[in-house]
Amino acid sequence: MNNAVLYEVVDDIAIITINRPEQRNAINADVRAGLFEAFEKVEADEGIRVAILTGSGDKAFCAGADLKEMSELGLAVLPPGFFPVLGDNVHVNKPVIAAVNGDAFAGGWMFVQMCDLVVASGAARFGITEAKVGRGFPWAAPLIHMIPQKVMAEILMTGNFLSARRAYEIGFVNRIAEPAETLNEATKLAREIAANAPLTVAAAKHLIALSTDMGRSAALAAARHAFEKVYTSEDAQEGPRAFREKRKPVWKNR
């Protein structure tokens, strides 16, 4: 890992931190490379149940692409795979939580959007600001499944910021925390998820993806297939057994 992205494992939780606080954690080549590597490590490590993505400092989660670097590169249409995007060119079957410690603008919003759940500092702001600098946001297409259409139109067309409270009201944020407690609150949520049966949690993530990509009937059929592995697993027997014996289940992920 390079110093632009930090990687730490605490028990069964991986914490990935964009580490350019003096540049408001803007995305440059080192951040892109570091995130690709970090997510590969999360997926490869069977001991990790949940990952958290956050930023250094208390000012910005991520202010988007490093515009100085973008100006130097002179790119028009970005090449495929330029940014690491979960569910697009990066595949992680485990839940990923965005711990939004500060402003999440442009590509920073993209990184929040790609995560499964969001815990935000009450001081955080959100914005897709590309309209203000003449850039594009094709990555925002999945947002239509996350927030109301008219709200999405206003966000994209004005480039104005949303407060953490407003982002919570429209369903983009799951939980709001005191600024100093954002990572702790995200870790608490991660532990709640990590305590559950990993195969069921992974299938839940897959189910959500299926449901946004397919119509109702096709998604139901695909979901039944996706959960076969869950129903026939050892963990499916361990859960009821632990309940009957009044103890915590010991998940084997098989």
Protein backbone atom coordinates (compact mmCIF):
# COMPACT_ATOMS: atom_id res chain seq x y z
CA MET A 1 0.00 0.00 0.00
CA ASN A 2 1.20 3.55 -0.70
CA ASN A 3 0.84 6.32 1.89
CA ALA A 4 -2.09 7.90 0.03
CA VAL A 5 -4.30 5.03 1.18
CA LEU A 6 -3.96 3.40 4.60
CA TYR A 7 -5.15 -0.14 5.34
CA GLU A 8 -5.84 -1.51 8.80
CA VAL A 9 -7.60 -4.64 10.03
CA VAL A 10 -9.31 -4.59 13.41
CA ASP A 11 -10.66 -8.04 14.28
CA ASP A 12 -12.81 -8.90 11.25
CA ILE A 13 -13.20 -5.33 9.95
CA ALA A 14 -10.93 -3.68 7.37
CA ILE A 15 -10.56 0.11 7.60
CA ILE A 16 -9.46 1.82 4.39
CA THR A 17 -8.48 5.49 4.73
CA ILE A 18 -7.84 7.98 1.94
CA ASN A 19 -4.84 9.81 3.37
CA ARG A 20 -4.30 13.17 1.66
CA PRO A 21 -5.82 15.53 4.24
CA GLU A 22 -3.85 18.57 3.04
CA GLN A 23 -5.42 18.07 -0.42
CA ARG A 24 -8.85 17.35 1.06
CA ASN A 25 -8.29 13.67 0.22
CA ALA A 26 -8.58 14.41 -3.50
CA ILE A 27 -8.24 11.44 -5.84
CA ASN A 28 -4.90 11.22 -7.62
CA ALA A 29 -3.00 8.30 -9.17
CA ASP A 30 -1.75 7.09 -5.79
CA VAL A 31 -5.26 7.11 -4.31
CA ARG A 32 -6.64 5.22 -7.28
CA ALA A 33 -3.90 2.58 -7.10
CA GLY A 34 -4.18 2.31 -3.33
CA LEU A 35 -7.93 1.77 -3.39
CA PHE A 36 -7.71 -0.89 -6.09
CA GLU A 37 -5.15 -2.73 -3.95
CA ALA A 38 -7.11 -2.27 -0.71
CA PHE A 39 -10.35 -3.66 -2.12
CA GLU A 40 -8.48 -6.62 -3.59
CA LYS A 41 -7.12 -7.36 -0.11
CA VAL A 42 -10.60 -7.15 1.43
CA GLU A 43 -12.02 -9.62 -1.06
CA ALA A 44 -9.08 -12.03 -0.75
CA ASP A 45 -9.01 -12.14 3.07
CA GLU A 46 -11.56 -14.69 4.29
CA GLY A 47 -11.24 -13.34 7.82
CA ILE A 48 -12.70 -9.96 6.92
CA ARG A 49 -16.47 -9.62 7.25
CA VAL A 50 -16.98 -5.89 6.62
CA ALA A 51 -14.92 -3.00 5.24
CA ILE A 52 -15.09 0.70 6.10
CA LEU A 53 -13.98 3.44 3.71
CA THR A 54 -13.16 6.82 5.24
CA GLY A 55 -10.88 9.85 4.87
CA SER A 56 -8.13 11.42 6.96
CA GLY A 57 -8.85 14.50 9.04
CA ASP A 58 -12.19 16.12 9.80
CA LYS A 59 -12.59 18.45 6.82
CA ALA A 60 -13.13 16.16 3.87
CA PHE A 61 -14.01 12.56 3.19
CA CYS A 62 -12.97 13.15 -0.40
CA ALA A 63 -13.25 16.34 -2.47
CA GLY A 64 -13.30 14.46 -5.77
CA ALA A 65 -10.66 14.15 -8.46
CA ASP A 66 -7.43 16.09 -8.05
CA LEU A 67 -8.18 18.84 -10.59
CA LYS A 68 -4.51 19.80 -10.84
CA GLU A 69 -3.67 16.27 -11.96
CA MET A 70 -6.72 16.18 -14.26
CA SER A 71 -5.60 19.44 -15.87
CA GLU A 72 -2.10 18.08 -16.42
CA LEU A 73 -3.43 14.83 -17.90
CA GLY A 74 -5.77 16.72 -20.23
CA LEU A 75 -8.17 13.79 -20.40
CA ALA A 76 -11.48 14.15 -22.23
CA VAL A 77 -13.51 10.97 -21.80
CA LEU A 78 -12.00 9.04 -18.91
CA PRO A 79 -10.66 5.60 -19.87
CA PRO A 80 -12.52 2.53 -18.56
CA GLY A 81 -11.40 1.57 -15.09
CA PHE A 82 -9.88 4.98 -14.35
CA PHE A 83 -11.51 5.14 -10.89
CA PRO A 84 -12.00 2.10 -8.66
CA VAL A 85 -15.79 1.73 -8.39
CA LEU A 86 -17.41 -1.05 -6.39
CA GLY A 87 -20.03 -2.89 -8.40
CA ASP A 88 -18.48 -1.72 -11.66
CA ASN A 89 -14.80 -2.51 -12.14
CA VAL A 90 -14.16 -3.65 -8.55
CA HIS A 91 -16.07 -6.55 -7.01
CA VAL A 92 -16.26 -7.05 -3.26
CA ASN A 93 -18.85 -9.50 -1.95
CA LYS A 94 -18.60 -8.19 1.61
CA PRO A 95 -20.48 -5.11 2.85
CA VAL A 96 -18.62 -1.80 2.59
CA ILE A 97 -19.58 1.14 4.80
CA ALA A 98 -18.68 4.73 3.98
CA ALA A 99 -17.68 6.62 7.13
CA VAL A 100 -18.07 10.15 5.80
CA ASN A 101 -15.95 12.26 8.13
CA GLY A 102 -16.29 15.48 6.10
CA ASP A 103 -17.21 16.85 2.68
CA ALA A 104 -17.91 14.32 -0.08
CA PHE A 105 -17.99 16.12 -3.41
CA ALA A 106 -17.92 14.88 -7.03
CA GLY A 107 -15.79 11.72 -7.04
CA GLY A 108 -16.11 11.73 -3.27
CA TRP A 109 -19.88 11.36 -3.68
CA MET A 110 -19.16 8.57 -6.19
CA PHE A 111 -17.17 6.72 -3.53
CA VAL A 112 -19.98 7.14 -0.98
CA GLN A 113 -22.60 6.09 -3.53
CA MET A 114 -20.76 2.85 -4.35
CA CYS A 115 -20.75 1.73 -0.70
CA ASP A 116 -23.53 -0.40 0.75
CA LEU A 117 -24.21 1.77 3.80
CA VAL A 118 -23.33 5.30 4.89
CA VAL A 119 -22.52 6.78 8.29
CA ALA A 120 -21.94 10.53 8.10
CA SER A 121 -20.58 13.21 10.38
CA GLY A 122 -23.22 15.77 11.22
CA ALA A 123 -20.81 18.36 9.78
CA ALA A 124 -20.41 16.57 6.45
CA ARG A 125 -21.70 17.96 3.17
CA PHE A 126 -22.48 16.11 -0.04
CA GLY A 127 -22.47 17.35 -3.62
CA ILE A 128 -22.16 16.31 -7.26
CA THR A 129 -20.45 19.51 -8.34
CA GLU A 130 -19.37 18.63 -11.89
CA ALA A 131 -21.86 21.05 -13.49
CA LYS A 132 -19.90 23.91 -11.90
CA VAL A 133 -16.64 22.91 -13.64
CA GLY A 134 -17.96 21.43 -16.88
CA ARG A 135 -17.21 17.81 -16.05
CA GLY A 136 -19.45 14.73 -16.31
CA PHE A 137 -20.94 12.15 -13.95
CA PRO A 138 -21.97 8.99 -15.85
CA TRP A 139 -21.22 7.08 -12.65
CA ALA A 140 -24.26 8.76 -11.04
CA ALA A 141 -26.74 6.60 -13.02
CA PRO A 142 -27.33 4.12 -10.13
CA LEU A 143 -28.40 7.03 -7.94
CA ILE A 144 -31.92 6.78 -9.41
CA HIS A 145 -32.40 3.64 -7.28
CA MET A 146 -31.23 5.43 -4.11
CA ILE A 147 -33.05 8.78 -3.98
CA PRO A 148 -36.17 10.35 -5.54
CA GLN A 149 -35.95 11.42 -9.18
CA LYS A 150 -36.73 15.10 -8.63
CA VAL A 151 -34.17 15.33 -5.84
CA MET A 152 -31.59 13.69 -8.10
CA ALA A 153 -32.33 16.20 -10.86
CA GLU A 154 -31.75 19.14 -8.52
CA ILE A 155 -28.50 17.69 -7.20
CA LEU A 156 -27.09 17.04 -10.68
CA MET A 157 -28.28 20.23 -12.35
CA THR A 158 -27.43 22.77 -9.65
CA GLY A 159 -24.27 21.27 -8.21
CA ASN A 160 -25.39 22.58 -4.82
CA PHE A 161 -24.39 20.96 -1.57
CA LEU A 162 -26.56 18.83 0.72
CA SER A 163 -26.14 18.81 4.47
CA ALA A 164 -25.71 15.47 6.23
CA ARG A 165 -29.20 15.93 7.66
CA ARG A 166 -30.73 16.44 4.21
CA ALA A 167 -28.81 13.44 2.84
CA TYR A 168 -30.26 11.41 5.71
CA GLU A 169 -33.79 12.67 5.01
CA ILE A 170 -33.66 11.56 1.36
CA GLY A 171 -32.32 8.14 2.30
CA PHE A 172 -28.74 8.52 1.08
CA VAL A 173 -27.29 8.31 4.60
CA ASN A 174 -28.12 5.54 7.11
CA ARG A 175 -26.87 7.13 10.32
CA ILE A 176 -25.57 10.52 11.44
CA ALA A 177 -22.87 10.77 14.10
CA GLU A 178 -21.11 13.48 16.05
CA PRO A 179 -18.05 14.51 13.99
CA ALA A 180 -15.54 12.92 16.37
CA GLU A 181 -17.58 9.72 16.55
CA THR A 182 -18.12 9.04 12.84
CA LEU A 183 -15.63 6.20 12.50
CA ASN A 184 -16.70 4.73 15.85
CA GLU A 185 -20.35 4.74 14.74
CA ALA A 186 -19.39 3.13 11.42
CA THR A 187 -17.41 0.50 13.31
CA LYS A 188 -20.40 -0.16 15.56
CA LEU A 189 -22.57 -0.73 12.48
CA ALA A 190 -19.87 -2.95 10.98
CA ARG A 191 -19.81 -5.09 14.13
CA GLU A 192 -23.59 -5.48 14.01
CA ILE A 193 -23.26 -6.85 10.47
CA ALA A 194 -20.14 -8.92 11.18
CA ALA A 195 -21.97 -10.73 13.99
CA ASN A 196 -24.45 -12.18 11.49
CA ALA A 197 -24.12 -15.19 9.22
CA PRO A 198 -21.61 -14.18 6.50
CA LEU A 199 -23.24 -16.20 3.72
CA THR A 200 -26.60 -14.56 4.41
CA VAL A 201 -25.04 -11.10 4.50
CA ALA A 202 -23.24 -11.69 1.19
CA ALA A 203 -26.47 -12.99 -0.36
CA ALA A 204 -28.30 -9.89 0.90
CA LYS A 205 -25.80 -7.69 -0.92
CA HIS A 206 -26.24 -9.79 -4.04
CA LEU A 207 -30.03 -9.62 -3.73
CA ILE A 208 -29.96 -5.81 -3.65
CA ALA A 209 -27.83 -5.75 -6.80
CA LEU A 210 -30.15 -8.21 -8.54
CA SER A 211 -33.22 -6.18 -7.60
CA THR A 212 -31.84 -2.97 -9.10
CA ASP A 213 -30.66 -4.66 -12.31
CA MET A 214 -33.72 -6.80 -13.09
CA GLY A 215 -37.47 -6.69 -13.19
CA ARG A 216 -39.49 -8.19 -10.36
CA SER A 217 -40.00 -11.72 -11.74
CA ALA A 218 -36.42 -12.14 -12.96
CA ALA A 219 -35.03 -10.84 -9.66
CA LEU A 220 -37.19 -13.25 -7.64
CA ALA A 221 -36.00 -16.20 -9.69
CA ALA A 222 -32.36 -15.16 -9.48
CA ALA A 223 -32.65 -14.50 -5.75
CA ARG A 224 -33.97 -18.01 -5.10
CA HIS A 225 -30.88 -19.37 -6.80
CA ALA A 226 -28.60 -16.97 -4.90
CA PHE A 227 -29.93 -18.13 -1.53
CA GLU A 228 -29.64 -21.88 -2.23
CA LYS A 229 -26.08 -21.79 -0.90
CA VAL A 230 -27.34 -20.11 2.28
CA TYR A 231 -30.14 -22.61 2.95
CA THR A 232 -27.89 -25.63 2.40
CA SER A 233 -24.95 -24.32 4.44
CA GLU A 234 -23.66 -25.52 7.82
CA ASP A 235 -24.37 -22.02 9.16
CA ALA A 236 -28.08 -22.45 8.35
CA GLN A 237 -28.14 -25.30 10.86
CA GLU A 238 -25.89 -23.56 13.37
CA GLY A 239 -28.16 -20.52 13.72
CA PRO A 240 -31.28 -22.35 14.93
CA ARG A 241 -29.12 -24.71 17.01
CA ALA A 242 -27.46 -21.79 18.81
CA PHE A 243 -30.85 -20.18 19.41
CA ARG A 244 -32.18 -23.41 20.92
CA GLU A 245 -29.07 -23.75 23.11
CA LYS A 246 -29.22 -20.07 24.15
CA ARG A 247 -25.73 -19.20 22.96
CA LYS A 248 -24.11 -17.07 20.30
CA PRO A 249 -23.73 -18.84 16.95
CA VAL A 250 -20.28 -19.75 15.71
CA TRP A 251 -20.30 -18.97 12.00
CA LYS A 252 -18.10 -21.04 9.69
CA ASN A 253 -18.94 -19.22 6.45
CA ARG A 254 -19.83 -22.53 4.83
